[in-house]
N, C-alpha and C. Protein backbone atom coordinates (compact mmCIF):
# COMPACT_ATOMS: atom_id res chain seq x y z
N MET A 1 -8.45 -12.80 -10.02
CA MET A 1 -7.37 -12.65 -11.15
C MET A 1 -7.29 -11.10 -11.38
N TYR A 2 -7.96 -10.48 -11.03
CA TYR A 2 -8.15 -8.83 -10.86
C TYR A 2 -8.07 -7.69 -9.78
N GLY A 3 -8.26 -8.86 -8.45
CA GLY A 3 -7.92 -8.30 -7.67
C GLY A 3 -7.18 -8.58 -6.67
N VAL A 4 -7.45 -10.29 -5.85
CA VAL A 4 -6.41 -10.45 -5.07
C VAL A 4 -4.80 -10.22 -5.62
N LEU A 5 -5.01 -10.95 -6.86
CA LEU A 5 -3.22 -11.17 -7.45
C LEU A 5 -2.86 -9.37 -7.43
N PRO A 6 -2.71 -8.64 -7.97
CA PRO A 6 -2.54 -7.83 -8.19
C PRO A 6 -2.55 -6.91 -6.47
N LEU A 7 -3.42 -6.71 -5.75
CA LEU A 7 -3.07 -6.22 -4.50
C LEU A 7 -1.91 -6.88 -3.17
N TRP A 8 -1.83 -8.66 -3.69
CA TRP A 8 -0.85 -9.06 -3.23
C TRP A 8 0.16 -8.32 -2.92
N CYS A 9 0.49 -7.16 -4.00
CA CYS A 9 2.30 -6.89 -3.97
C CYS A 9 1.89 -5.67 -2.79
N VAL A 10 1.23 -5.53 -2.53
CA VAL A 10 1.18 -3.96 -1.43
C VAL A 10 1.35 -4.58 0.18
N PRO A 11 0.89 -5.74 0.43
CA PRO A 11 1.44 -6.24 1.85
C PRO A 11 3.01 -6.89 1.76
N GLY A 12 3.09 -7.08 0.46
CA GLY A 12 4.86 -7.55 -0.15
C GLY A 12 5.14 -6.65 0.21
N LEU A 13 4.99 -5.72 -0.55
CA LEU A 13 6.04 -4.24 -0.26
C LEU A 13 6.06 -3.78 1.45
N ALA A 14 4.96 -3.81 1.97
CA ALA A 14 5.08 -3.29 3.18
C ALA A 14 5.99 -4.01 3.85
N ASP A 15 6.10 -5.57 3.50
CA ASP A 15 7.35 -6.47 4.42
C ASP A 15 8.30 -6.28 3.87
N TRP A 16 8.31 -5.76 2.75
CA TRP A 16 10.28 -5.75 2.12
C TRP A 16 10.48 -4.24 3.09
N ALA A 17 9.89 -3.01 3.30
CA ALA A 17 9.86 -1.92 3.24
C ALA A 17 10.61 -2.20 5.52
N MET A 18 10.19 -3.00 5.76
CA MET A 18 10.06 -3.53 7.19
C MET A 18 11.29 -4.23 7.59
N HIS A 19 11.76 -5.12 6.81
CA HIS A 19 12.90 -6.06 5.96
C HIS A 19 13.70 -4.78 6.21
N ARG A 20 14.11 -3.92 5.66
CA ARG A 20 14.93 -3.02 4.93
C ARG A 20 14.72 -2.19 6.29
N ARG A 21 14.02 -1.21 6.55
CA ARG A 21 13.98 -0.60 8.09
C ARG A 21 14.51 -1.34 8.97
N SER A 22 14.78 -2.98 9.26
CA SER A 22 14.93 -3.40 10.68
C SER A 22 16.57 -3.57 9.95
N ARG A 23 17.11 -3.87 9.21
CA ARG A 23 18.39 -3.81 8.43
C ARG A 23 18.69 -5.19 8.50
N ILE A 24 18.03 -5.87 7.84
CA ILE A 24 17.67 -7.54 7.22
C ILE A 24 19.26 -7.89 7.26
N GLN A 25 20.13 -6.79 6.57
CA GLN A 25 21.16 -7.27 5.99
C GLN A 25 22.33 -7.44 7.10
N GLU A 26 22.06 -7.08 7.80
CA GLU A 26 22.94 -6.91 9.54
C GLU A 26 22.39 -8.10 10.52
N THR A 27 21.45 -8.55 10.23
CA THR A 27 20.74 -10.00 11.31
C THR A 27 21.12 -11.27 10.53
N SER A 28 19.47 -11.59 10.32
CA SER A 28 19.53 -12.81 9.75
C SER A 28 20.11 -12.84 8.47
N GLY A 29 20.16 -11.77 7.44
CA GLY A 29 20.96 -11.44 5.97
C GLY A 29 20.15 -12.42 4.98
N THR A 30 21.05 -12.90 4.51
CA THR A 30 21.53 -13.60 2.69
C THR A 30 20.43 -14.69 3.32
N ARG A 31 20.72 -15.73 3.94
CA ARG A 31 19.62 -16.93 5.03
C ARG A 31 17.88 -16.48 4.66
N GLU A 32 17.76 -15.22 5.37
CA GLU A 32 16.22 -15.22 5.38
C GLU A 32 15.90 -14.50 3.95
N SER A 33 16.70 -13.83 3.40
CA SER A 33 16.01 -13.75 1.91
C SER A 33 15.59 -14.14 1.01
N LEU A 34 16.72 -15.57 1.26
CA LEU A 34 16.64 -16.89 0.57
C LEU A 34 15.69 -17.81 0.86
N ILE A 35 15.11 -17.20 2.04
CA ILE A 35 13.92 -18.09 2.48
C ILE A 35 12.54 -17.56 1.71
N HIS A 36 12.93 -15.48 1.86
CA HIS A 36 11.56 -15.09 0.97
C HIS A 36 11.69 -15.34 -0.12
N ALA A 37 12.44 -15.59 -0.69
CA ALA A 37 12.74 -15.63 -2.19
C ALA A 37 11.90 -17.48 -2.14
N LEU A 38 12.28 -18.23 -1.78
CA LEU A 38 11.70 -19.94 -1.24
C LEU A 38 9.93 -19.58 -1.65
N MET A 39 9.58 -18.49 -0.62
CA MET A 39 8.10 -18.50 -0.61
C MET A 39 7.32 -17.83 -1.64
N MET A 40 8.29 -17.12 -2.12
CA MET A 40 7.63 -16.18 -3.59
C MET A 40 7.49 -17.52 -4.72
N THR A 41 8.57 -18.48 -4.74
CA THR A 41 8.71 -19.30 -5.70
C THR A 41 7.46 -20.44 -5.52
N GLU A 42 6.94 -20.72 -4.16
CA GLU A 42 5.80 -21.33 -3.69
C GLU A 42 4.46 -20.61 -4.26
N VAL A 43 4.32 -19.20 -3.97
CA VAL A 43 3.46 -19.02 -4.47
C VAL A 43 3.15 -18.43 -6.33
N GLY A 44 4.39 -18.24 -6.29
CA GLY A 44 4.34 -17.79 -8.08
C GLY A 44 4.24 -19.41 -9.09
N ILE A 45 4.57 -20.32 -8.87
CA ILE A 45 4.46 -21.67 -9.49
C ILE A 45 3.01 -21.22 -9.57
N PRO A 46 2.20 -21.83 -8.71
CA PRO A 46 0.99 -21.89 -8.96
C PRO A 46 0.16 -20.95 -9.42
N ILE A 47 0.30 -19.84 -9.33
CA ILE A 47 -0.37 -18.30 -9.99
C ILE A 47 -0.10 -18.62 -11.54
N ALA A 48 1.43 -18.95 -11.63
CA ALA A 48 1.72 -18.62 -13.16
C ALA A 48 0.97 -19.96 -13.89
N LEU A 49 0.94 -20.90 -13.09
CA LEU A 49 0.09 -22.27 -13.94
C LEU A 49 -1.27 -22.02 -14.32
N THR A 50 -2.05 -21.16 -12.81
CA THR A 50 -3.16 -20.85 -13.16
C THR A 50 -3.43 -19.77 -14.12
N LEU A 51 -2.61 -18.85 -14.76
CA LEU A 51 -2.87 -17.99 -15.33
C LEU A 51 -2.27 -18.66 -16.72
N ARG A 52 -1.95 -19.75 -16.99
CA ARG A 52 -1.77 -20.55 -18.37
C ARG A 52 -2.76 -21.90 -18.91
N TYR A 53 -3.28 -22.05 -17.77
CA TYR A 53 -3.59 -23.64 -17.73
C TYR A 53 -5.22 -23.87 -16.92
N GLU A 54 -5.84 -24.68 -17.16
CA GLU A 54 -7.18 -24.60 -17.31
C GLU A 54 -7.33 -25.27 -15.50
N VAL A 55 -8.31 -25.12 -15.07
CA VAL A 55 -7.88 -25.52 -13.69
C VAL A 55 -9.00 -26.85 -13.52
N ASN A 56 -7.59 -27.76 -13.02
CA ASN A 56 -8.31 -28.84 -13.01
C ASN A 56 -7.83 -29.46 -11.85
N PRO A 57 -8.42 -30.96 -11.78
CA PRO A 57 -7.66 -31.73 -10.04
C PRO A 57 -6.12 -31.55 -9.90
N LEU A 58 -5.13 -31.72 -11.19
CA LEU A 58 -3.82 -31.30 -11.32
C LEU A 58 -3.67 -30.10 -10.53
N LEU A 59 -3.95 -29.33 -11.20
CA LEU A 59 -3.95 -27.70 -10.66
C LEU A 59 -4.38 -27.56 -9.25
N LEU A 60 -5.27 -27.84 -8.84
CA LEU A 60 -5.86 -27.86 -7.98
C LEU A 60 -4.75 -28.91 -6.49
N THR A 61 -4.22 -29.69 -7.07
CA THR A 61 -3.41 -30.19 -6.13
C THR A 61 -2.24 -29.40 -5.83
N VAL A 62 -1.80 -29.28 -6.96
CA VAL A 62 -0.22 -28.46 -6.55
C VAL A 62 -0.95 -27.23 -6.11
N GLN A 63 -1.93 -25.94 -6.13
CA GLN A 63 -2.00 -25.29 -5.45
C GLN A 63 -2.16 -25.71 -3.98
N SER A 64 -2.70 -26.23 -3.72
CA SER A 64 -2.96 -27.18 -2.46
C SER A 64 -1.56 -27.14 -1.64
N ALA A 65 -1.01 -28.14 -2.30
CA ALA A 65 0.52 -28.25 -1.98
C ALA A 65 1.45 -27.04 -1.92
N ALA A 66 1.30 -26.32 -2.87
CA ALA A 66 2.22 -24.95 -2.62
C ALA A 66 1.54 -24.30 -1.24
N THR A 67 0.55 -23.95 -1.08
CA THR A 67 -0.11 -23.26 -0.04
C THR A 67 0.72 -23.72 1.08
N ALA A 68 0.46 -25.44 1.54
CA ALA A 68 0.88 -25.98 2.46
C ALA A 68 2.74 -26.45 2.82
N ALA A 69 2.90 -25.73 1.76
CA ALA A 69 4.89 -25.52 1.53
C ALA A 69 4.93 -23.66 2.03
N HIS A 70 4.19 -23.25 1.51
CA HIS A 70 4.23 -22.04 1.72
C HIS A 70 4.40 -21.70 3.46
N GLU A 71 3.07 -21.78 3.94
CA GLU A 71 2.51 -21.89 5.27
C GLU A 71 3.67 -22.51 6.28
N ALA A 72 4.26 -23.56 5.88
CA ALA A 72 5.20 -24.41 6.80
C ALA A 72 6.59 -23.35 6.62
N THR A 73 6.73 -22.90 5.20
CA THR A 73 8.07 -21.59 5.03
C THR A 73 7.76 -20.72 5.97
N ALA A 74 7.05 -20.03 6.08
CA ALA A 74 6.29 -19.10 6.72
C ALA A 74 6.91 -18.69 8.47
N LEU A 75 6.78 -20.19 8.63
CA LEU A 75 7.13 -20.74 10.03
C LEU A 75 8.55 -20.43 10.31
N TRP A 76 9.11 -20.67 9.25
CA TRP A 76 10.73 -21.43 9.15
C TRP A 76 10.85 -19.85 8.79
N ASP A 77 10.35 -18.29 8.18
CA ASP A 77 10.93 -17.66 8.15
C ASP A 77 11.15 -16.70 9.81
N VAL A 78 9.92 -16.86 9.89
CA VAL A 78 9.63 -16.03 10.94
C VAL A 78 10.53 -16.55 12.51
N ARG A 79 10.85 -17.92 12.56
CA ARG A 79 11.87 -18.48 13.54
C ARG A 79 13.25 -18.09 13.42
N THR A 80 13.36 -18.20 11.87
CA THR A 80 14.35 -17.66 11.47
C THR A 80 14.96 -16.01 11.85
N ALA A 81 13.72 -15.39 11.69
CA ALA A 81 14.14 -13.73 12.02
C ALA A 81 14.24 -13.44 13.24
N VAL A 82 13.61 -14.29 14.22
CA VAL A 82 13.53 -13.94 15.69
C VAL A 82 14.84 -14.66 16.30
N ARG A 83 15.22 -15.71 15.76
CA ARG A 83 16.60 -16.19 16.43
C ARG A 83 17.89 -15.67 16.06
N SER A 84 17.91 -14.83 14.68
CA SER A 84 18.48 -13.83 14.55
C SER A 84 18.78 -12.33 15.34
N HIS A 85 17.70 -12.09 16.09
CA HIS A 85 17.51 -10.85 16.84
C HIS A 85 17.02 -10.27 16.14
N ARG A 86 16.49 -10.27 14.65
CA ARG A 86 16.00 -9.11 13.92
C ARG A 86 14.92 -8.98 14.47
N GLU A 87 14.27 -7.56 14.95
CA GLU A 87 13.22 -7.05 15.61
C GLU A 87 12.01 -6.66 14.65
N VAL A 88 11.28 -7.81 15.10
CA VAL A 88 9.96 -7.91 13.89
C VAL A 88 8.75 -7.59 15.01
N LYS A 89 8.76 -6.39 14.59
CA LYS A 89 7.46 -5.42 15.00
C LYS A 89 6.28 -5.83 14.84
N PRO A 90 5.38 -5.63 15.76
CA PRO A 90 3.67 -5.98 15.71
C PRO A 90 3.47 -5.40 13.82
N ILE A 91 3.64 -4.32 13.52
CA ILE A 91 3.10 -4.33 12.13
C ILE A 91 3.77 -5.25 11.25
N GLU A 92 4.83 -5.40 11.32
CA GLU A 92 5.56 -6.62 10.58
C GLU A 92 4.51 -7.48 10.75
N GLN A 93 4.06 -8.14 11.70
CA GLN A 93 3.68 -9.85 12.39
C GLN A 93 2.30 -9.26 11.55
N HIS A 94 1.65 -8.21 11.64
CA HIS A 94 0.47 -8.14 10.71
C HIS A 94 0.47 -8.25 9.82
N ILE A 95 1.55 -7.89 8.85
CA ILE A 95 1.55 -7.53 7.36
C ILE A 95 1.67 -9.18 7.07
N HIS A 96 2.70 -9.51 7.74
CA HIS A 96 2.82 -11.19 7.62
C HIS A 96 1.43 -11.96 7.64
N SER A 97 0.46 -11.68 8.74
CA SER A 97 -0.74 -12.35 8.41
C SER A 97 -1.70 -12.08 6.92
N PHE A 98 -1.37 -11.37 6.54
CA PHE A 98 -1.97 -10.70 5.40
C PHE A 98 -1.21 -11.76 4.07
N LEU A 99 0.01 -11.96 4.51
CA LEU A 99 0.63 -12.52 3.25
C LEU A 99 0.78 -13.83 3.56
N GLU A 100 0.36 -14.25 4.75
CA GLU A 100 0.04 -16.10 5.34
C GLU A 100 -1.67 -16.06 4.53
N SER A 101 -2.18 -15.51 5.16
CA SER A 101 -3.61 -15.94 4.75
C SER A 101 -4.09 -15.50 2.80
N LEU A 102 -3.59 -14.85 2.30
CA LEU A 102 -3.60 -14.61 1.12
C LEU A 102 -3.65 -15.97 0.30
N PRO A 103 -2.96 -16.33 0.48
CA PRO A 103 -2.65 -18.10 -0.04
C PRO A 103 -3.93 -18.84 -0.19
N PHE A 104 -4.53 -18.30 0.67
CA PHE A 104 -5.72 -19.48 1.15
C PHE A 104 -6.60 -18.97 0.39
N ALA A 105 -6.92 -17.52 0.75
CA ALA A 105 -7.93 -16.86 0.16
C ALA A 105 -8.10 -16.92 -1.68
N ALA A 106 -6.79 -16.94 -2.38
CA ALA A 106 -7.08 -17.07 -3.35
C ALA A 106 -7.29 -18.58 -3.92
N MET A 107 -6.81 -19.36 -3.32
CA MET A 107 -7.31 -21.13 -3.57
C MET A 107 -8.26 -20.88 -2.92
N ALA A 108 -9.37 -20.70 -2.20
CA ALA A 108 -10.80 -20.76 -1.54
C ALA A 108 -11.45 -19.96 -2.90
N ALA A 109 -11.01 -18.85 -3.40
CA ALA A 109 -12.00 -18.59 -4.07
C ALA A 109 -11.52 -19.15 -5.75
N LEU A 110 -10.88 -19.96 -5.85
CA LEU A 110 -10.26 -20.83 -7.10
C LEU A 110 -11.53 -21.86 -6.89
N TRP A 111 -11.36 -22.41 -5.45
CA TRP A 111 -12.22 -23.76 -5.41
C TRP A 111 -13.51 -23.51 -5.54
N CYS A 112 -13.85 -21.97 -4.93
CA CYS A 112 -15.71 -21.76 -5.33
C CYS A 112 -15.59 -21.72 -6.99
N LEU A 113 -15.14 -21.06 -7.66
CA LEU A 113 -15.59 -20.56 -8.81
C LEU A 113 -15.30 -22.24 -9.57
N HIS A 114 -14.12 -22.96 -9.21
CA HIS A 114 -13.97 -24.68 -9.72
C HIS A 114 -14.39 -25.37 -9.30
N HIS A 115 -15.89 -25.25 -8.33
CA HIS A 115 -17.01 -26.19 -7.88
C HIS A 115 -16.60 -27.75 -8.46
N ASP A 116 -16.43 -27.71 -9.65
CA ASP A 116 -16.74 -29.08 -10.30
C ASP A 116 -15.49 -29.54 -10.14
N GLN A 117 -14.63 -29.05 -10.18
CA GLN A 117 -13.11 -29.66 -10.54
C GLN A 117 -12.94 -30.03 -9.46
N VAL A 118 -13.42 -29.41 -8.04
CA VAL A 118 -13.02 -30.13 -6.69
C VAL A 118 -13.85 -31.25 -6.36
N ARG A 119 -14.85 -31.47 -7.14
CA ARG A 119 -15.78 -32.52 -6.80
C ARG A 119 -14.68 -33.78 -7.62
N SER A 120 -14.41 -33.13 -8.63
CA SER A 120 -13.55 -34.32 -9.63
C SER A 120 -12.40 -34.56 -8.61
N LEU A 121 -11.91 -33.66 -8.18
CA LEU A 121 -10.52 -34.15 -7.34
C LEU A 121 -10.67 -34.96 -5.80
N LEU A 122 -12.21 -34.53 -5.50
CA LEU A 122 -12.28 -35.38 -4.13
C LEU A 122 -12.66 -37.14 -5.22
N ARG A 123 -13.12 -37.08 -6.26
CA ARG A 123 -13.04 -38.60 -6.76
C ARG A 123 -12.01 -39.17 -7.36
N GLY A 124 -10.63 -38.03 -6.96
CA GLY A 124 -9.84 -39.04 -7.62
C GLY A 124 -9.18 -38.51 -9.29
N GLY A 125 -10.14 -38.09 -9.56
CA GLY A 125 -10.08 -37.37 -11.25
C GLY A 125 -10.92 -38.80 -12.22
N ARG A 126 -11.76 -39.72 -11.21
CA ARG A 126 -11.84 -40.33 -11.92
C ARG A 126 -13.09 -39.55 -13.10
N GLY A 127 -13.15 -40.07 -14.30
CA GLY A 127 -13.88 -40.08 -14.94
C GLY A 127 -13.76 -38.37 -16.04
N ALA A 128 -12.43 -37.82 -15.78
CA ALA A 128 -12.55 -36.69 -16.24
C ALA A 128 -11.03 -37.52 -16.89
N ALA A 129 -10.84 -37.59 -18.17
CA ALA A 129 -9.39 -37.85 -18.79
C ALA A 129 -8.54 -37.18 -18.71
N ASP A 130 -8.31 -36.03 -18.64
CA ASP A 130 -7.42 -34.43 -18.44
C ASP A 130 -7.81 -34.40 -17.28
N ALA A 131 -8.22 -34.93 -16.21
CA ALA A 131 -7.59 -34.95 -14.75
C ALA A 131 -5.97 -34.60 -14.28
N TRP A 132 -5.58 -35.14 -14.48
CA TRP A 132 -3.66 -35.52 -14.10
C TRP A 132 -3.01 -34.70 -15.51
N ARG A 133 -3.31 -33.65 -16.14
CA ARG A 133 -3.21 -33.19 -17.22
C ARG A 133 -3.00 -31.74 -17.31
N LEU A 134 -1.80 -31.03 -17.82
CA LEU A 134 -2.00 -29.56 -17.68
C LEU A 134 -2.85 -29.44 -19.00
N ILE A 135 -3.56 -28.72 -19.21
CA ILE A 135 -4.59 -28.08 -20.28
C ILE A 135 -3.99 -26.40 -20.61
N PRO A 136 -3.98 -26.47 -21.75
CA PRO A 136 -3.70 -24.93 -21.88
C PRO A 136 -5.78 -24.18 -21.43
N ARG A 137 -5.38 -22.90 -21.30
CA ARG A 137 -6.80 -22.34 -20.83
C ARG A 137 -7.50 -22.52 -22.61
N ARG A 138 -8.38 -23.25 -22.37
CA ARG A 138 -9.66 -22.67 -23.85
C ARG A 138 -9.93 -21.28 -23.86
N ARG A 139 -10.05 -19.95 -22.83
CA ARG A 139 -9.90 -18.78 -23.39
C ARG A 139 -8.60 -18.28 -22.30
N PRO A 140 -7.87 -18.14 -23.12
CA PRO A 140 -6.43 -17.39 -22.15
C PRO A 140 -6.98 -15.81 -22.00
N PHE A 141 -6.12 -15.80 -20.85
CA PHE A 141 -5.88 -14.16 -20.64
C PHE A 141 -5.61 -13.30 -21.58
N ALA A 142 -5.95 -11.99 -21.92
CA ALA A 142 -5.59 -11.20 -23.04
C ALA A 142 -4.30 -10.85 -22.71
N PRO A 143 -3.02 -10.91 -23.69
CA PRO A 143 -1.65 -10.76 -23.68
C PRO A 143 -1.72 -8.92 -22.53
N ARG A 144 -2.46 -7.83 -22.58
CA ARG A 144 -2.27 -6.71 -21.90
C ARG A 144 -2.37 -7.01 -20.51
N TYR A 145 -3.43 -8.54 -20.51
CA TYR A 145 -3.72 -8.39 -18.55
C TYR A 145 -2.21 -9.21 -18.26
N LEU A 146 -1.87 -9.87 -19.29
CA LEU A 146 -0.70 -10.91 -18.18
C LEU A 146 0.81 -10.14 -18.77
N ALA A 147 0.64 -9.19 -19.30
CA ALA A 147 1.87 -7.98 -19.63
C ALA A 147 1.78 -7.09 -18.20
N ALA A 148 0.36 -7.03 -17.80
CA ALA A 148 0.22 -5.89 -16.47
C ALA A 148 0.17 -6.44 -15.53
N ILE A 149 0.11 -8.08 -15.07
CA ILE A 149 0.46 -8.87 -14.14
C ILE A 149 2.14 -9.01 -14.30
N ALA A 150 2.76 -9.09 -15.17
CA ALA A 150 4.45 -9.30 -15.16
C ALA A 150 4.64 -7.77 -14.44
N ALA A 151 4.25 -7.16 -15.02
CA ALA A 151 4.48 -5.71 -14.50
C ALA A 151 4.48 -5.55 -13.30
N VAL A 152 3.62 -5.92 -12.83
CA VAL A 152 3.06 -5.52 -11.32
C VAL A 152 4.09 -6.22 -10.29
N VAL A 153 4.36 -7.45 -11.12
CA VAL A 153 4.95 -8.58 -9.94
C VAL A 153 6.58 -8.16 -10.11
N GLY A 154 6.72 -7.72 -11.25
CA GLY A 154 8.41 -7.41 -11.28
C GLY A 154 8.40 -6.53 -10.53
N GLY A 155 7.51 -5.51 -10.78
CA GLY A 155 8.17 -3.83 -9.84
C GLY A 155 7.59 -4.28 -8.38
N GLY A 156 6.65 -4.99 -7.57
CA GLY A 156 6.11 -5.31 -6.72
C GLY A 156 6.67 -6.13 -5.64
N VAL A 157 7.40 -7.42 -6.45
CA VAL A 157 7.85 -7.92 -5.90
C VAL A 157 9.43 -8.61 -5.99
N LEU A 158 9.56 -8.63 -7.18
CA LEU A 158 11.41 -8.93 -8.21
C LEU A 158 12.24 -8.32 -7.80
N LEU A 159 11.55 -7.15 -8.19
CA LEU A 159 12.54 -5.83 -7.97
C LEU A 159 12.91 -5.75 -6.59
N PRO A 160 12.06 -5.20 -5.62
CA PRO A 160 12.39 -5.22 -3.97
C PRO A 160 12.82 -6.34 -3.67
N TYR A 161 12.32 -7.61 -3.93
CA TYR A 161 13.23 -8.31 -3.25
C TYR A 161 14.52 -8.66 -3.91
N GLY A 162 14.68 -8.52 -4.85
CA GLY A 162 16.21 -9.28 -5.72
C GLY A 162 17.07 -8.05 -4.82
N GLU A 163 16.34 -6.98 -4.28
CA GLU A 163 17.20 -5.86 -4.22
C GLU A 163 17.73 -5.86 -2.61
N GLU A 164 16.61 -6.72 -2.38
CA GLU A 164 17.32 -7.20 -0.49
C GLU A 164 18.15 -8.48 -0.39
N LEU A 165 18.05 -9.02 -1.32
CA LEU A 165 18.84 -10.21 -1.60
C LEU A 165 20.45 -9.91 -2.04
N ARG A 166 20.59 -9.09 -2.72
CA ARG A 166 21.69 -8.13 -3.14
C ARG A 166 22.49 -7.37 -2.25
N ARG A 167 21.25 -6.69 -1.25
CA ARG A 167 21.82 -6.07 0.02
C ARG A 167 22.54 -6.99 0.97
N CYS A 168 21.94 -8.00 1.28
CA CYS A 168 22.42 -9.08 1.98
C CYS A 168 23.35 -9.88 1.54
N HIS A 169 23.49 -9.64 0.33
CA HIS A 169 24.91 -10.26 -0.41
C HIS A 169 26.19 -9.58 -0.34
N ARG A 170 25.89 -8.25 0.01
CA ARG A 170 26.93 -7.82 -0.41
C ARG A 170 27.53 -7.45 1.30
N ALA A 171 26.61 -7.76 1.88
CA ALA A 171 26.24 -7.05 3.50
C ALA A 171 27.59 -8.54 4.04
N ALA A 172 26.89 -9.84 3.91
CA ALA A 172 28.15 -10.84 4.12
C ALA A 172 29.50 -10.70 3.76
N GLN A 173 29.54 -10.25 2.48
CA GLN A 173 30.94 -10.31 1.27
C GLN A 173 31.88 -9.05 2.32
N ALA A 174 31.22 -8.26 2.68
CA ALA A 174 31.72 -6.89 3.56
C ALA A 174 32.56 -7.78 4.80
N ALA A 175 31.18 -8.20 5.29
CA ALA A 175 31.37 -9.07 7.00
C ALA A 175 32.96 -9.90 6.45
N ARG A 176 32.92 -10.18 5.35
CA ARG A 176 34.12 -11.43 5.02
C ARG A 176 35.20 -11.19 4.89
N THR A 177 35.22 -9.93 4.22
CA THR A 177 36.59 -8.97 3.95
C THR A 177 37.05 -8.16 5.24
N PRO A 178 38.65 -8.69 5.09
CA PRO A 178 39.01 -7.89 6.60
C PRO A 178 39.57 -6.13 6.06
């Protein structure tokens, strides 16, 4: 929570810079930018849930499904970029490898830290009354920590990718206007 999560913004910002450099708004445009928003949602929801709720079989299932969905969407993203003739340079591909592996790293760390819940998940949650319900954290994160994470995500993810989507939308509008 203090390493992987905040540092995740570094490759995210680098990827955004690659999109800007390759002028995404003139190639794959809004479609690819919306795919990026989808991928952020796919990792954002499980992160938000983990920050607020106890890790249990339900949360592990949500995280696993979101990680699988993120991987499938990442493949769609690269296919969209390549088919649009946007140049995806080797450095951007390397950045993508970080962005694709970090959900697995975060999930693996969580599974190691909560091996009892993994065992419960493998048993279908039998014997655990709260296995399939969202339970607020017994020891919630400090409000300062949550505010800092919100600031990092806002400044390192939402603002840059919001700017990308806006730039793509403007370019699409300009292309439609005679």
